[in-house]
């Protein structure tokens, strides 16, 4: 899920970027930034996805896509505020864990 926020960190839009199966999904940064740019007034974004396995630890793919999206946003002046992984056991925040 992608949340688009304005300068006041108010949610101004959201979009289901991908729907995967039980073992994975595809997350395309081009789609994320196309949506963010088409949502007028977006200055920052938050990403969120679930881990059906229940593991709160980010995978290597989670870390890689987060870095890619963060770096892409720098060129567009759209800041990635957080990437949140959630399960039935709780959540993992990339921002709270100092990764962003």
C-alpha atoms as a PDB file:
ATOM      1  CA  UNK A   1       0.000   0.000   0.000  1.00  0.00           C
ATOM      2  CA  UNK A   2       1.239   3.489  -0.873  1.00  0.00           C
ATOM      3  CA  UNK A   3       0.167   6.555   1.102  1.00  0.00           C
ATOM      4  CA  UNK A   4       0.726   9.975  -0.466  1.00  0.00           C
ATOM      5  CA  UNK A   5       1.118  12.877   1.948  1.00  0.00           C
ATOM      6  CA  UNK A   6       1.183  16.636   1.481  1.00  0.00           C
ATOM      7  CA  UNK A   7       3.533  19.180   3.082  1.00  0.00           C
ATOM      8  CA  UNK A   8       1.561  18.971   6.361  1.00  0.00           C
ATOM      9  CA  UNK A   9       1.860  15.152   6.403  1.00  0.00           C
ATOM     10  CA  UNK A  10      -1.853  14.818   5.718  1.00  0.00           C
ATOM     11  CA  UNK A  11      -2.796  11.755   3.678  1.00  0.00           C
ATOM     12  CA  UNK A  12      -4.055  12.981   0.313  1.00  0.00           C
ATOM     13  CA  UNK A  13      -4.174   9.643  -1.494  1.00  0.00           C
ATOM     14  CA  UNK A  14      -3.540   5.941  -1.281  1.00  0.00           C
ATOM     15  CA  UNK A  15      -3.022   3.154  -3.782  1.00  0.00           C
ATOM     16  CA  UNK A  16      -2.681  -0.626  -3.725  1.00  0.00           C
ATOM     17  CA  UNK A  17       0.631  -0.999  -5.527  1.00  0.00           C
ATOM     18  CA  UNK A  18       0.600  -4.767  -5.674  1.00  0.00           C
ATOM     19  CA  UNK A  19      -1.238  -7.829  -4.484  1.00  0.00           C
ATOM     20  CA  UNK A  20       0.888 -10.895  -4.097  1.00  0.00           C
ATOM     21  CA  UNK A  21       0.538 -14.479  -3.136  1.00  0.00           C
ATOM     22  CA  UNK A  22       1.661 -16.236   0.003  1.00  0.00           C
ATOM     23  CA  UNK A  23       5.351 -16.091  -0.891  1.00  0.00           C
ATOM     24  CA  UNK A  24       5.910 -12.784  -2.657  1.00  0.00           C
ATOM     25  CA  UNK A  25       4.833  -9.881  -4.801  1.00  0.00           C
ATOM     26  CA  UNK A  26       6.296  -7.404  -7.269  1.00  0.00           C
ATOM     27  CA  UNK A  27       6.863  -3.818  -6.184  1.00  0.00           C
ATOM     28  CA  UNK A  28       7.760  -1.503  -9.069  1.00  0.00           C
ATOM     29  CA  UNK A  29       9.240   1.893  -8.093  1.00  0.00           C
ATOM     30  CA  UNK A  30       8.064   3.345 -11.424  1.00  0.00           C
ATOM     31  CA  UNK A  31       4.446   2.634 -10.483  1.00  0.00           C
ATOM     32  CA  UNK A  32       4.944   4.085  -7.008  1.00  0.00           C
ATOM     33  CA  UNK A  33       6.333   7.352  -8.325  1.00  0.00           C
ATOM     34  CA  UNK A  34       3.838   7.567 -11.177  1.00  0.00           C
ATOM     35  CA  UNK A  35       1.027   7.436  -8.614  1.00  0.00           C
ATOM     36  CA  UNK A  36       2.798   9.874  -6.282  1.00  0.00           C
ATOM     37  CA  UNK A  37       3.374  12.385  -9.083  1.00  0.00           C
ATOM     38  CA  UNK A  38      -0.223  12.099 -10.275  1.00  0.00           C
ATOM     39  CA  UNK A  39      -1.527  12.753  -6.768  1.00  0.00           C
ATOM     40  CA  UNK A  40      -1.229  16.549  -6.819  1.00  0.00           C
ATOM     41  CA  UNK A  41       0.611  17.962  -3.838  1.00  0.00           C
ATOM     42  CA  UNK A  42       2.506  14.826  -2.807  1.00  0.00           C
ATOM     43  CA  UNK A  43       5.691  15.752  -0.961  1.00  0.00           C
ATOM     44  CA  UNK A  44       6.260  12.481   0.883  1.00  0.00           C
ATOM     45  CA  UNK A  45       5.158   8.862   0.866  1.00  0.00           C
ATOM     46  CA  UNK A  46       4.791   5.922   3.231  1.00  0.00           C
ATOM     47  CA  UNK A  47       4.876   2.314   2.061  1.00  0.00           C
ATOM     48  CA  UNK A  48       3.375  -0.649   3.865  1.00  0.00           C
ATOM     49  CA  UNK A  49       3.131  -4.359   3.194  1.00  0.00           C
ATOM     50  CA  UNK A  50       2.364  -7.524   5.072  1.00  0.00           C
ATOM     51  CA  UNK A  51       4.369 -10.652   5.759  1.00  0.00           C
ATOM     52  CA  UNK A  52       1.950 -13.600   5.746  1.00  0.00           C
ATOM     53  CA  UNK A  53       4.739 -15.686   7.323  1.00  0.00           C
ATOM     54  CA  UNK A  54       4.404 -13.621  10.504  1.00  0.00           C
ATOM     55  CA  UNK A  55       8.078 -12.626  10.443  1.00  0.00           C
ATOM     56  CA  UNK A  56       8.658  -9.005  11.371  1.00  0.00           C
ATOM     57  CA  UNK A  57      12.191  -8.972   9.971  1.00  0.00           C
ATOM     58  CA  UNK A  58      12.628  -7.316   6.574  1.00  0.00           C
ATOM     59  CA  UNK A  59      13.920  -9.559   3.812  1.00  0.00           C
ATOM     60  CA  UNK A  60      16.877  -8.619   1.643  1.00  0.00           C
ATOM     61  CA  UNK A  61      14.353  -7.776  -1.101  1.00  0.00           C
ATOM     62  CA  UNK A  62      12.492  -5.468   1.342  1.00  0.00           C
ATOM     63  CA  UNK A  63      15.731  -3.655   2.149  1.00  0.00           C
ATOM     64  CA  UNK A  64      16.717  -3.373  -1.519  1.00  0.00           C
ATOM     65  CA  UNK A  65      13.365  -1.985  -2.695  1.00  0.00           C
ATOM     66  CA  UNK A  66      13.261   0.462   0.217  1.00  0.00           C
ATOM     67  CA  UNK A  67      16.694   1.808  -0.711  1.00  0.00           C
ATOM     68  CA  UNK A  68      15.697   2.047  -4.397  1.00  0.00           C
ATOM     69  CA  UNK A  69      12.498   3.945  -3.616  1.00  0.00           C
ATOM     70  CA  UNK A  70      14.249   6.258  -1.157  1.00  0.00           C
ATOM     71  CA  UNK A  71      16.981   7.081  -3.693  1.00  0.00           C
ATOM     72  CA  UNK A  72      14.465   7.652  -6.503  1.00  0.00           C
ATOM     73  CA  UNK A  73      12.484  10.050  -4.364  1.00  0.00           C
ATOM     74  CA  UNK A  74      15.513  12.269  -3.818  1.00  0.00           C
ATOM     75  CA  UNK A  75      15.536  13.200  -7.499  1.00  0.00           C
ATOM     76  CA  UNK A  76      11.821  13.977  -7.407  1.00  0.00           C
ATOM     77  CA  UNK A  77      11.766  15.808  -4.053  1.00  0.00           C
ATOM     78  CA  UNK A  78       9.410  13.179  -2.649  1.00  0.00           C
ATOM     79  CA  UNK A  79      10.637  11.844   0.675  1.00  0.00           C
ATOM     80  CA  UNK A  80      10.065   8.263   1.785  1.00  0.00           C
ATOM     81  CA  UNK A  81       8.998   8.758   5.414  1.00  0.00           C
ATOM     82  CA  UNK A  82       8.641   5.088   6.313  1.00  0.00           C
ATOM     83  CA  UNK A  83       8.232   1.558   5.042  1.00  0.00           C
ATOM     84  CA  UNK A  84       6.181  -0.536   7.432  1.00  0.00           C
ATOM     85  CA  UNK A  85       5.950  -4.316   7.517  1.00  0.00           C
ATOM     86  CA  UNK A  86       2.970  -5.634   9.419  1.00  0.00           C
ATOM     87  CA  UNK A  87       1.898  -9.056  10.632  1.00  0.00           C
ATOM     88  CA  UNK A  88      -0.647 -10.414  13.083  1.00  0.00           C
ATOM     89  CA  UNK A  89       2.145 -10.142  15.690  1.00  0.00           C
ATOM     90  CA  UNK A  90       2.933  -6.439  15.249  1.00  0.00           C
ATOM     91  CA  UNK A  91       4.873  -4.225  12.875  1.00  0.00           C
ATOM     92  CA  UNK A  92       8.397  -3.268  11.804  1.00  0.00           C
ATOM     93  CA  UNK A  93       9.174   0.327  10.876  1.00  0.00           C
ATOM     94  CA  UNK A  94      12.221   1.056   8.734  1.00  0.00           C
ATOM     95  CA  UNK A  95      12.222   4.627  10.083  1.00  0.00           C
ATOM     96  CA  UNK A  96      12.032   3.583  13.761  1.00  0.00           C
ATOM     97  CA  UNK A  97      14.884   1.146  13.176  1.00  0.00           C
ATOM     98  CA  UNK A  98      17.128   3.838  11.683  1.00  0.00           C
ATOM     99  CA  UNK A  99      17.200   2.440   8.161  1.00  0.00           C
ATOM    100  CA  UNK A 100      15.681   5.530   6.499  1.00  0.00           C
END
